[in-house]
Amino acid sequence: MKPLKIINLICAIFCLSLFFTSSGVSFAASQKKDKSPDIEAAASVDKASIRIGDKITYAITVKAGKDIEVEFPHILPENLAGFAVKDFGSSRRWFFGKNIFKQWYFLDTYVSGEHTIPAIVVRYRAKGQTDWQEVRVNEVTLAVESVLDNSPDRGDIRDIRGPRNFAGKARLYFLVALAALLIIGGAVGFLFLKRKKEACKPPPLPAHIIAYAALEALEKKDYVRKGQTKAYYIELSGIVRHYLEDRFNIRAPQMSTEEFLVKVKDESSLSGEHKGLLRDFLATSDLVKFAKYQPAEAEAGLSMASAKKLIDQTKQEDKPKA
């Protein structure tokens, strides 16, 4: 082969290699440009098995690049498989070039069995973008055991003991009779003093008078204008619940919102309008307390007006004096 042809062949091979190399670089660059944002999301609990009444921590953890914005959903108690939310919070930290976002909920339940907290959707987007994308975390399953399931004395049923022979001594009978008389005399004296003390007490204030005073004190604290909306709604819903407990003998403060609404559903003393007003009021309170909802000042004022309206329309009227 002539030297000139060899030189031309070498130049052609060199040009082809440059073409394929530049094409590969362009392809790699385009692949890198179209790569989805670096984000991971997972849900977890600190205990896989608990007993009724125990507390667990349910957490959603998101690891994302520094240019990723993350938005957690508003989670209500009905989205948590029957668990009641006792507290919640969030945190953010930086670890090995990534932002680690965490939203946690402190939960408990009094229903035994297997519970599955469904998958939750977390939204994210790169800074500068307007459209949100979604990533779904895993569902979490845990077992809630009854306190009697593993009790060592659950099957401990024994036969009664046989008769015991007592010594027939007059002194023993005398001491037993004397002790019984002392106990009876002490009990009678205690009941007499208790009734005398109760007779001297002034009659308790009506439930609506106590509630009006509490609402007036709450307004003076000016929580909403200070930006303490959550504290405002916690105290406001507590006043309404304690009023209903005193007025209708409903154990409202010890129940969750769902349990309480089921309780008052069959309460004949409350009309359908009152029940609807109460349901809307408690739903707004739960959104503020558990889902970080921030109502405007005017809406907070309407919640106060709703509480007063409920008390005005359900209060016990004073009996006319004879």
Protein backbone atom coordinates (compact mmCIF):
# COMPACT_ATOMS: atom_id res chain seq x y z
CA MET A 1 0.00 0.00 0.00
CA LYS A 2 1.30 3.42 -0.93
CA PRO A 3 2.24 5.85 1.88
CA LEU A 4 -0.33 8.41 0.70
CA LYS A 5 -3.20 5.93 0.95
CA ILE A 6 -2.04 4.89 4.43
CA ILE A 7 -2.04 8.52 5.56
CA ASN A 8 -5.55 9.07 4.12
CA LEU A 9 -6.85 5.93 5.91
CA ILE A 10 -5.41 7.06 9.24
CA CYS A 11 -7.05 10.51 8.85
CA ALA A 12 -10.42 8.92 8.05
CA ILE A 13 -10.24 6.66 11.12
CA PHE A 14 -9.30 9.66 13.32
CA CYS A 15 -12.23 11.74 12.02
CA LEU A 16 -14.69 8.90 12.62
CA SER A 17 -13.43 8.46 16.19
CA LEU A 18 -13.86 12.19 16.85
CA PHE A 19 -17.43 12.05 15.50
CA PHE A 20 -18.50 9.11 17.67
CA THR A 21 -16.77 10.55 20.73
CA SER A 22 -18.55 13.90 20.38
CA SER A 23 -21.88 12.10 19.78
CA GLY A 24 -21.37 10.04 22.94
CA VAL A 25 -20.58 13.15 24.97
CA SER A 26 -23.71 14.87 23.66
CA PHE A 27 -25.83 11.80 24.46
CA ALA A 28 -24.42 11.61 27.98
CA ALA A 29 -25.03 15.31 28.51
CA SER A 30 -28.63 14.99 27.36
CA GLN A 31 -29.15 12.00 29.63
CA LYS A 32 -27.81 13.94 32.60
CA LYS A 33 -30.02 16.90 31.78
CA ASP A 34 -33.20 14.77 31.65
CA LYS A 35 -32.44 12.84 34.83
CA SER A 36 -35.19 13.13 37.46
CA PRO A 37 -34.41 14.99 40.71
CA ASP A 38 -32.55 13.05 43.39
CA ILE A 39 -35.18 12.31 46.06
CA GLU A 40 -36.03 9.42 48.38
CA ALA A 41 -39.03 9.15 50.72
CA ALA A 42 -39.99 6.54 53.32
CA ALA A 43 -42.38 6.11 56.25
CA SER A 44 -41.53 4.29 59.47
CA VAL A 45 -42.61 3.70 63.08
CA ASP A 46 -40.36 3.33 66.10
CA LYS A 47 -42.16 0.14 67.26
CA ALA A 48 -43.54 -2.72 65.18
CA SER A 49 -45.79 -3.96 68.01
CA ILE A 50 -47.40 -2.09 70.90
CA ARG A 51 -50.05 -2.60 73.56
CA ILE A 52 -53.28 -0.65 73.86
CA GLY A 53 -52.55 2.82 75.24
CA ASP A 54 -48.84 2.80 74.29
CA LYS A 55 -47.48 5.70 72.25
CA ILE A 56 -45.68 5.31 68.92
CA THR A 57 -43.88 7.76 66.64
CA TYR A 58 -44.86 7.64 62.96
CA ALA A 59 -42.35 9.52 60.76
CA ILE A 60 -42.10 10.45 57.07
CA THR A 61 -38.46 11.04 56.04
CA VAL A 62 -37.46 12.63 52.72
CA LYS A 63 -33.87 12.86 51.44
CA ALA A 64 -33.45 15.32 48.58
CA GLY A 65 -30.84 17.38 46.82
CA LYS A 66 -30.11 20.93 47.90
CA ASP A 67 -32.21 22.45 45.08
CA ILE A 68 -35.36 20.43 45.84
CA GLU A 69 -38.40 21.90 47.64
CA VAL A 70 -40.53 19.44 49.63
CA GLU A 71 -44.17 19.83 50.74
CA PHE A 72 -45.70 17.37 53.23
CA PRO A 73 -49.46 16.65 53.09
CA HIS A 74 -51.99 17.72 55.72
CA ILE A 75 -52.67 14.48 57.58
CA LEU A 76 -55.89 14.16 59.60
CA PRO A 77 -56.58 11.43 62.23
CA GLU A 78 -58.88 9.54 59.82
CA ASN A 79 -55.86 9.06 57.50
CA LEU A 80 -53.90 7.24 60.22
CA ALA A 81 -55.82 3.92 60.50
CA GLY A 82 -57.70 4.85 63.65
CA PHE A 83 -54.78 6.29 65.60
CA ALA A 84 -55.26 9.50 67.59
CA VAL A 85 -52.70 12.30 67.09
CA LYS A 86 -51.27 13.44 70.43
CA ASP A 87 -48.51 15.67 69.04
CA PHE A 88 -46.64 16.33 65.80
CA GLY A 89 -43.65 18.28 64.48
CA SER A 90 -41.07 18.59 61.72
CA SER A 91 -37.32 19.00 61.31
CA ARG A 92 -34.74 19.62 58.62
CA ARG A 93 -31.01 18.93 58.55
CA TRP A 94 -28.10 18.73 56.13
CA PHE A 95 -26.19 15.47 55.73
CA PHE A 96 -23.53 14.61 53.12
CA GLY A 97 -24.78 17.09 50.53
CA LYS A 98 -28.49 16.32 50.98
CA ASN A 99 -31.39 17.93 52.79
CA ILE A 100 -33.16 15.50 55.13
CA PHE A 101 -36.75 16.55 55.85
CA LYS A 102 -38.75 14.79 58.58
CA GLN A 103 -42.41 15.07 59.59
CA TRP A 104 -43.38 13.09 62.71
CA TYR A 105 -46.62 12.28 64.57
CA PHE A 106 -47.02 11.00 68.15
CA LEU A 107 -49.91 8.48 68.07
CA ASP A 108 -51.86 6.11 70.29
CA THR A 109 -54.96 3.90 70.03
CA TYR A 110 -57.26 1.85 72.21
CA VAL A 111 -58.32 -0.60 69.49
CA SER A 112 -56.41 -3.90 69.33
CA GLY A 113 -55.55 -5.77 66.13
CA GLU A 114 -53.40 -5.17 63.06
CA HIS A 115 -53.38 -1.58 61.81
CA THR A 116 -52.07 -0.39 58.44
CA ILE A 117 -51.25 3.27 57.94
CA PRO A 118 -51.76 3.81 54.19
CA ALA A 119 -49.18 5.20 51.79
CA ILE A 120 -48.81 8.99 51.92
CA VAL A 121 -48.06 11.22 48.90
CA VAL A 122 -45.32 13.88 49.28
CA ARG A 123 -44.98 16.67 46.73
CA TYR A 124 -41.65 18.10 45.50
CA ARG A 125 -40.20 20.32 42.82
CA ALA A 126 -36.85 21.75 41.79
CA LYS A 127 -36.26 25.37 42.69
CA GLY A 128 -37.43 27.66 39.90
CA GLN A 129 -40.06 25.22 38.62
CA THR A 130 -43.80 25.83 38.98
CA ASP A 131 -45.18 22.28 38.60
CA TRP A 132 -45.13 19.92 41.56
CA GLN A 133 -44.26 16.23 41.24
CA GLU A 134 -45.24 13.46 43.63
CA VAL A 135 -43.48 10.63 45.42
CA ARG A 136 -45.40 8.00 47.41
CA VAL A 137 -44.03 6.63 50.68
CA ASN A 138 -44.60 3.05 51.79
CA GLU A 139 -47.53 1.96 53.95
CA VAL A 140 -46.73 0.87 57.52
CA THR A 141 -48.30 -2.09 59.32
CA LEU A 142 -48.09 -2.68 63.06
CA ALA A 143 -49.84 -4.82 65.64
CA VAL A 144 -51.72 -3.49 68.67
CA GLU A 145 -52.06 -6.09 71.42
CA SER A 146 -54.55 -6.18 74.27
CA VAL A 147 -53.03 -5.91 77.74
CA LEU A 148 -54.58 -9.33 78.52
CA ASP A 149 -53.07 -11.20 75.55
CA ASN A 150 -49.80 -12.08 77.29
CA SER A 151 -50.91 -11.83 80.91
CA PRO A 152 -49.40 -14.71 82.98
CA ASP A 153 -52.51 -14.82 85.21
CA ARG A 154 -55.06 -14.97 82.42
CA GLY A 155 -55.62 -18.71 82.77
CA ASP A 156 -54.95 -18.83 86.49
CA ILE A 157 -58.34 -20.15 87.69
CA ARG A 158 -58.01 -22.08 90.89
CA ASP A 159 -60.45 -24.07 93.01
CA ILE A 160 -61.70 -22.49 96.24
CA ARG A 161 -59.84 -23.26 99.41
CA GLY A 162 -61.29 -25.54 102.00
CA PRO A 163 -62.96 -24.32 105.21
CA ARG A 164 -60.63 -22.91 107.85
CA ASN A 165 -61.21 -23.73 111.49
CA PHE A 166 -61.23 -20.77 113.86
CA ALA A 167 -60.50 -21.09 117.53
CA GLY A 168 -63.65 -20.68 119.56
CA LYS A 169 -62.31 -18.17 121.97
CA ALA A 170 -64.50 -15.45 123.41
CA ARG A 171 -61.62 -12.94 123.34
CA LEU A 172 -61.23 -13.29 119.56
CA TYR A 173 -64.94 -12.69 118.97
CA PHE A 174 -64.89 -9.67 121.26
CA LEU A 175 -61.97 -8.09 119.35
CA VAL A 176 -63.66 -8.71 116.01
CA ALA A 177 -66.92 -7.14 117.19
CA LEU A 178 -65.06 -4.15 118.66
CA ALA A 179 -63.19 -3.59 115.40
CA ALA A 180 -66.44 -3.74 113.42
CA LEU A 181 -68.09 -1.17 115.73
CA LEU A 182 -65.11 1.17 115.36
CA ILE A 183 -65.22 0.90 111.59
CA ILE A 184 -68.97 1.52 111.42
CA GLY A 185 -68.71 4.44 113.84
CA GLY A 186 -65.86 5.99 111.83
CA ALA A 187 -67.78 5.61 108.56
CA VAL A 188 -70.93 7.20 110.04
CA GLY A 189 -68.93 10.10 111.47
CA PHE A 190 -67.13 10.65 108.16
CA LEU A 191 -70.41 10.73 106.17
CA PHE A 192 -71.97 13.11 108.68
CA LEU A 193 -69.05 15.56 108.47
CA LYS A 194 -68.98 15.29 104.67
CA ARG A 195 -72.68 16.10 104.33
CA LYS A 196 -72.35 19.00 106.74
CA LYS A 197 -69.44 20.38 104.77
CA GLU A 198 -71.28 20.01 101.45
CA ALA A 199 -74.36 21.73 102.88
CA CYS A 200 -72.22 24.80 103.63
CA LYS A 201 -70.87 25.04 100.07
CA PRO A 202 -72.51 27.56 97.73
CA PRO A 203 -74.34 26.03 94.75
CA PRO A 204 -72.12 25.57 91.66
CA LEU A 205 -72.29 28.15 88.89
CA PRO A 206 -74.30 27.18 85.77
CA ALA A 207 -72.22 25.76 82.92
CA HIS A 208 -72.92 28.68 80.56
CA ILE A 209 -71.77 31.28 83.12
CA ILE A 210 -68.44 29.47 83.49
CA ALA A 211 -68.10 29.19 79.70
CA TYR A 212 -68.87 32.89 79.09
CA ALA A 213 -66.21 33.91 81.62
CA ALA A 214 -63.65 31.60 80.00
CA LEU A 215 -64.41 32.97 76.49
CA GLU A 216 -64.04 36.54 77.73
CA ALA A 217 -60.67 35.70 79.30
CA LEU A 218 -59.55 34.05 76.05
CA GLU A 219 -60.40 37.13 73.99
CA LYS A 220 -58.30 39.30 76.31
CA LYS A 221 -55.24 37.14 75.65
CA ASP A 222 -55.27 38.31 72.01
CA TYR A 223 -53.70 35.07 70.75
CA VAL A 224 -54.68 35.53 67.09
CA ARG A 225 -53.08 38.96 66.66
CA LYS A 226 -49.93 37.60 68.35
CA GLY A 227 -49.75 34.78 65.79
CA GLN A 228 -50.53 32.06 68.36
CA THR A 229 -53.45 30.59 66.41
CA LYS A 230 -52.89 27.00 67.54
CA ALA A 231 -52.95 27.98 71.24
CA TYR A 232 -56.12 29.98 70.58
CA TYR A 233 -57.99 27.03 69.03
CA ILE A 234 -56.77 24.55 71.66
CA GLU A 235 -58.16 26.73 74.46
CA LEU A 236 -61.35 27.60 72.53
CA SER A 237 -62.24 23.96 71.77
CA GLY A 238 -61.44 23.04 75.39
CA ILE A 239 -63.92 25.63 76.66
CA VAL A 240 -66.68 24.26 74.40
CA ARG A 241 -65.96 20.66 75.38
CA HIS A 242 -66.00 21.43 79.12
CA TYR A 243 -69.25 23.37 78.70
CA LEU A 244 -70.90 20.37 77.01
CA GLU A 245 -69.60 18.06 79.72
CA ASP A 246 -71.10 20.23 82.50
CA ARG A 247 -74.32 21.00 80.61
CA PHE A 248 -75.23 17.56 79.21
CA ASN A 249 -73.03 15.26 81.31
CA ILE A 250 -71.03 14.18 78.24
CA ARG A 251 -67.41 13.17 78.86
CA ALA A 252 -66.25 15.36 75.99
CA PRO A 253 -62.67 16.29 77.07
CA GLN A 254 -61.63 12.63 77.26
CA MET A 255 -62.77 11.77 73.71
CA SER A 256 -61.29 12.36 70.27
CA THR A 257 -63.36 14.43 67.85
CA GLU A 258 -64.65 11.33 66.03
CA GLU A 259 -65.66 9.61 69.29
CA PHE A 260 -67.33 12.74 70.58
CA LEU A 261 -69.41 13.31 67.43
CA VAL A 262 -70.63 9.70 67.61
CA LYS A 263 -71.55 10.27 71.27
CA VAL A 264 -73.62 13.42 70.62
CA LYS A 265 -75.29 11.92 67.53
CA ASP A 266 -77.98 10.34 69.72
CA GLU A 267 -78.14 13.20 72.25
CA SER A 268 -81.76 14.38 72.10
CA SER A 269 -80.98 17.63 73.96
CA LEU A 270 -79.04 18.91 70.93
CA SER A 271 -80.89 19.79 67.74
CA GLY A 272 -79.65 18.95 64.25
CA GLU A 273 -78.55 22.57 63.80
CA HIS A 274 -76.53 22.42 67.02
CA LYS A 275 -74.86 19.16 65.99
CA GLY A 276 -73.93 20.57 62.58
CA LEU A 277 -72.56 23.75 64.16
CA LEU A 278 -70.52 21.67 66.61
CA ARG A 279 -69.19 19.38 63.85
CA ASP A 280 -67.96 22.31 61.73
CA PHE A 281 -66.43 24.01 64.76
CA LEU A 282 -64.50 20.91 65.88
CA ALA A 283 -63.34 20.14 62.31
CA THR A 284 -61.83 23.64 62.00
CA SER A 285 -60.17 23.26 65.42
CA ASP A 286 -58.60 19.92 64.42
CA LEU A 287 -57.27 21.39 61.16
CA VAL A 288 -55.50 24.12 63.13
CA LYS A 289 -54.24 21.84 65.94
CA PHE A 290 -53.11 18.85 63.88
CA ALA A 291 -52.74 19.90 60.22
CA LYS A 292 -51.00 23.31 60.54
CA TYR A 293 -53.96 25.13 59.01
CA GLN A 294 -53.62 28.89 59.56
CA PRO A 295 -57.02 30.65 59.43
CA ALA A 296 -57.32 34.38 58.92
CA GLU A 297 -58.15 36.66 61.84
CA ALA A 298 -61.73 37.03 60.58
CA GLU A 299 -62.20 33.25 60.46
CA ALA A 300 -60.88 32.92 64.01
CA GLY A 301 -63.46 35.52 65.05
CA LEU A 302 -66.20 33.47 63.38
CA SER A 303 -65.09 30.42 65.39
CA MET A 304 -65.47 32.44 68.59
CA ALA A 305 -68.93 33.57 67.45
CA SER A 306 -69.90 29.95 66.70
CA ALA A 307 -68.86 28.89 70.20
CA LYS A 308 -70.95 31.68 71.75
CA LYS A 309 -73.93 30.84 69.53
CA LEU A 310 -73.80 27.18 70.57
CA ILE A 311 -73.73 28.15 74.26
CA ASP A 312 -76.49 30.78 73.83
CA GLN A 313 -78.85 28.29 72.19
CA THR A 314 -78.20 25.32 74.51
CA LYS A 315 -77.75 26.97 77.92
CA GLN A 316 -80.01 26.00 80.78
CA GLU A 317 -82.55 28.75 81.37
CA ASP A 318 -82.85 30.09 84.90
CA LYS A 319 -85.99 28.99 86.68
CA PRO A 320 -88.23 31.91 87.77
CA LYS A 321 -88.33 32.47 91.47
CA ALA A 322 -91.63 31.70 93.22
